[in-house]
């Protein structure tokens, strides 16, 4: 649990994922926030979702603390990072995207045989 006493200054950036998988920062700001890093990430992400309703490819929000990256079974299209005041260390991150479809191999379902009878 992260306890906040007073206000903290964070830097944050918002990035979109390109077709090649790389992140492109589209906004970067700093400011004073009254919440902890994860709650701040959630707040900024929810505001972003509200502003771009109907334009985002994805429907789930994942919030992670510390240096953690994108979950393995998730395809992120937007990333919101909360950094220390001077932008050196990542404190929390929010991802907007979709779950990966379940992997199906060709052996998981028997082939359908069509015969002439």
C-alpha atoms as a PDB file:
ATOM      1  CA  UNK A   1       0.000   0.000   0.000  1.00  0.00           C
ATOM      2  CA  UNK A   2       1.285   3.470  -0.885  1.00  0.00           C
ATOM      3  CA  UNK A   3       0.455   6.199   1.656  1.00  0.00           C
ATOM      4  CA  UNK A   4       0.350   9.771   0.478  1.00  0.00           C
ATOM      5  CA  UNK A   5       0.781  12.644   2.860  1.00  0.00           C
ATOM      6  CA  UNK A   6       0.266  15.939   1.121  1.00  0.00           C
ATOM      7  CA  UNK A   7       0.908  16.427  -2.559  1.00  0.00           C
ATOM      8  CA  UNK A   8       3.524  14.803  -4.781  1.00  0.00           C
ATOM      9  CA  UNK A   9       5.035  16.061  -8.007  1.00  0.00           C
ATOM     10  CA  UNK A  10       5.114  13.553 -10.861  1.00  0.00           C
ATOM     11  CA  UNK A  11       6.034  13.634 -14.506  1.00  0.00           C
ATOM     12  CA  UNK A  12       3.898  11.572 -16.852  1.00  0.00           C
ATOM     13  CA  UNK A  13       3.855  10.689 -20.507  1.00  0.00           C
ATOM     14  CA  UNK A  14       1.225   9.248 -22.783  1.00  0.00           C
ATOM     15  CA  UNK A  15       2.393   7.109 -25.687  1.00  0.00           C
ATOM     16  CA  UNK A  16       0.660   5.278 -28.545  1.00  0.00           C
ATOM     17  CA  UNK A  17       1.910   2.022 -29.991  1.00  0.00           C
ATOM     18  CA  UNK A  18       2.807   2.086 -33.668  1.00  0.00           C
ATOM     19  CA  UNK A  19       2.319  -0.715 -36.182  1.00  0.00           C
ATOM     20  CA  UNK A  20       5.929  -1.799 -35.645  1.00  0.00           C
ATOM     21  CA  UNK A  21       5.338  -2.177 -31.872  1.00  0.00           C
ATOM     22  CA  UNK A  22       7.344   0.864 -30.807  1.00  0.00           C
ATOM     23  CA  UNK A  23       5.942   3.512 -28.459  1.00  0.00           C
ATOM     24  CA  UNK A  24       5.615   7.123 -29.633  1.00  0.00           C
ATOM     25  CA  UNK A  25       5.148   9.728 -26.902  1.00  0.00           C
ATOM     26  CA  UNK A  26       2.274  12.013 -27.839  1.00  0.00           C
ATOM     27  CA  UNK A  27       2.059  14.028 -24.600  1.00  0.00           C
ATOM     28  CA  UNK A  28       4.362  14.670 -21.653  1.00  0.00           C
ATOM     29  CA  UNK A  29       3.574  16.809 -18.630  1.00  0.00           C
ATOM     30  CA  UNK A  30       4.404  17.258 -14.981  1.00  0.00           C
ATOM     31  CA  UNK A  31       2.298  18.437 -12.099  1.00  0.00           C
ATOM     32  CA  UNK A  32       1.297  18.064  -8.485  1.00  0.00           C
ATOM     33  CA  UNK A  33      -1.023  15.196  -7.611  1.00  0.00           C
ATOM     34  CA  UNK A  34      -2.761  14.298  -4.356  1.00  0.00           C
ATOM     35  CA  UNK A  35      -2.873  10.539  -5.078  1.00  0.00           C
ATOM     36  CA  UNK A  36      -0.289   7.786  -5.205  1.00  0.00           C
ATOM     37  CA  UNK A  37       1.331   6.766  -8.506  1.00  0.00           C
ATOM     38  CA  UNK A  38      -1.094   3.921  -9.389  1.00  0.00           C
ATOM     39  CA  UNK A  39      -4.181   6.013  -8.593  1.00  0.00           C
ATOM     40  CA  UNK A  40      -2.725   8.898 -10.604  1.00  0.00           C
ATOM     41  CA  UNK A  41      -2.096   6.572 -13.569  1.00  0.00           C
ATOM     42  CA  UNK A  42      -5.703   5.322 -13.369  1.00  0.00           C
ATOM     43  CA  UNK A  43      -7.064   8.868 -13.203  1.00  0.00           C
ATOM     44  CA  UNK A  44      -5.094  10.060 -16.249  1.00  0.00           C
ATOM     45  CA  UNK A  45      -6.002   6.890 -18.191  1.00  0.00           C
ATOM     46  CA  UNK A  46      -9.713   7.247 -17.409  1.00  0.00           C
ATOM     47  CA  UNK A  47      -9.642  10.871 -18.535  1.00  0.00           C
ATOM     48  CA  UNK A  48      -7.855   9.790 -21.750  1.00  0.00           C
ATOM     49  CA  UNK A  49     -10.474   7.084 -22.408  1.00  0.00           C
ATOM     50  CA  UNK A  50     -13.290   9.590 -21.855  1.00  0.00           C
ATOM     51  CA  UNK A  51     -11.736  12.089 -24.284  1.00  0.00           C
ATOM     52  CA  UNK A  52     -11.201   9.459 -26.999  1.00  0.00           C
ATOM     53  CA  UNK A  53     -14.374   7.438 -26.590  1.00  0.00           C
ATOM     54  CA  UNK A  54     -15.121   5.462 -29.753  1.00  0.00           C
ATOM     55  CA  UNK A  55     -11.641   6.086 -31.186  1.00  0.00           C
ATOM     56  CA  UNK A  56      -9.572   3.648 -29.126  1.00  0.00           C
ATOM     57  CA  UNK A  57      -8.763   0.157 -30.300  1.00  0.00           C
ATOM     58  CA  UNK A  58      -9.181  -1.638 -27.019  1.00  0.00           C
ATOM     59  CA  UNK A  59     -11.491  -1.962 -24.139  1.00  0.00           C
ATOM     60  CA  UNK A  60      -9.533  -2.788 -21.017  1.00  0.00           C
ATOM     61  CA  UNK A  61      -7.381  -0.815 -18.611  1.00  0.00           C
ATOM     62  CA  UNK A  62      -4.450  -2.456 -16.797  1.00  0.00           C
ATOM     63  CA  UNK A  63      -2.647  -0.608 -13.994  1.00  0.00           C
ATOM     64  CA  UNK A  64       0.774  -1.804 -12.815  1.00  0.00           C
ATOM     65  CA  UNK A  65       3.162  -0.495 -10.198  1.00  0.00           C
ATOM     66  CA  UNK A  66       6.886   0.111 -10.402  1.00  0.00           C
ATOM     67  CA  UNK A  67       8.970  -0.915 -13.389  1.00  0.00           C
ATOM     68  CA  UNK A  68       6.596  -3.603 -14.668  1.00  0.00           C
ATOM     69  CA  UNK A  69       5.815  -3.796 -18.370  1.00  0.00           C
ATOM     70  CA  UNK A  70       2.879  -4.899 -20.491  1.00  0.00           C
ATOM     71  CA  UNK A  71       1.229  -8.124 -19.292  1.00  0.00           C
ATOM     72  CA  UNK A  72       2.059 -11.086 -21.506  1.00  0.00           C
ATOM     73  CA  UNK A  73      -1.515 -11.836 -22.566  1.00  0.00           C
ATOM     74  CA  UNK A  74      -2.407  -8.234 -23.361  1.00  0.00           C
ATOM     75  CA  UNK A  75      -2.102  -6.086 -26.498  1.00  0.00           C
ATOM     76  CA  UNK A  76      -1.613  -2.480 -25.375  1.00  0.00           C
ATOM     77  CA  UNK A  77      -2.351   0.423 -27.699  1.00  0.00           C
ATOM     78  CA  UNK A  78      -1.877   3.325 -25.236  1.00  0.00           C
ATOM     79  CA  UNK A  79       0.609   3.603 -22.359  1.00  0.00           C
ATOM     80  CA  UNK A  80       0.533   6.167 -19.530  1.00  0.00           C
ATOM     81  CA  UNK A  81       3.693   6.210 -17.396  1.00  0.00           C
ATOM     82  CA  UNK A  82       3.971   7.954 -14.033  1.00  0.00           C
ATOM     83  CA  UNK A  83       7.566   8.940 -13.347  1.00  0.00           C
ATOM     84  CA  UNK A  84       9.390  10.602 -10.482  1.00  0.00           C
ATOM     85  CA  UNK A  85       9.422  14.382 -10.541  1.00  0.00           C
ATOM     86  CA  UNK A  86      12.386  14.550 -12.908  1.00  0.00           C
ATOM     87  CA  UNK A  87      11.296  11.670 -15.131  1.00  0.00           C
ATOM     88  CA  UNK A  88      14.048   9.261 -14.125  1.00  0.00           C
ATOM     89  CA  UNK A  89      12.272   6.289 -12.486  1.00  0.00           C
ATOM     90  CA  UNK A  90       8.908   4.793 -13.438  1.00  0.00           C
ATOM     91  CA  UNK A  91       6.558   4.576 -10.433  1.00  0.00           C
ATOM     92  CA  UNK A  92       3.442   3.191 -12.144  1.00  0.00           C
ATOM     93  CA  UNK A  93       2.063   2.542 -15.603  1.00  0.00           C
ATOM     94  CA  UNK A  94      -1.387   2.166 -17.131  1.00  0.00           C
ATOM     95  CA  UNK A  95      -2.100   0.344 -20.392  1.00  0.00           C
ATOM     96  CA  UNK A  96      -5.217   0.591 -22.544  1.00  0.00           C
ATOM     97  CA  UNK A  97      -5.788  -2.312 -24.915  1.00  0.00           C
ATOM     98  CA  UNK A  98      -7.280  -5.755 -25.369  1.00  0.00           C
ATOM     99  CA  UNK A  99      -6.580  -9.278 -24.201  1.00  0.00           C
ATOM    100  CA  UNK A 100      -4.717 -11.477 -26.668  1.00  0.00           C
ATOM    101  CA  UNK A 101      -6.879 -14.115 -28.271  1.00  0.00           C
ATOM    102  CA  UNK A 102      -6.284 -17.552 -26.842  1.00  0.00           C
ATOM    103  CA  UNK A 103      -3.662 -19.428 -28.816  1.00  0.00           C
ATOM    104  CA  UNK A 104      -5.076 -22.391 -30.661  1.00  0.00           C
ATOM    105  CA  UNK A 105      -2.806 -24.938 -32.172  1.00  0.00           C
ATOM    106  CA  UNK A 106      -3.921 -27.273 -34.924  1.00  0.00           C
ATOM    107  CA  UNK A 107      -3.895 -30.252 -32.558  1.00  0.00           C
ATOM    108  CA  UNK A 108      -6.384 -28.840 -30.062  1.00  0.00           C
ATOM    109  CA  UNK A 109      -9.398 -29.656 -32.243  1.00  0.00           C
ATOM    110  CA  UNK A 110      -9.813 -32.766 -34.340  1.00  0.00           C
ATOM    111  CA  UNK A 111     -10.045 -32.179 -38.078  1.00  0.00           C
ATOM    112  CA  UNK A 112     -13.485 -32.300 -39.614  1.00  0.00           C
ATOM    113  CA  UNK A 113     -13.797 -35.137 -42.092  1.00  0.00           C
ATOM    114  CA  UNK A 114     -16.203 -34.726 -44.944  1.00  0.00           C
ATOM    115  CA  UNK A 115     -17.023 -37.901 -46.761  1.00  0.00           C
ATOM    116  CA  UNK A 116     -19.215 -38.802 -49.638  1.00  0.00           C
ATOM    117  CA  UNK A 117     -21.624 -41.391 -48.774  1.00  0.00           C
END
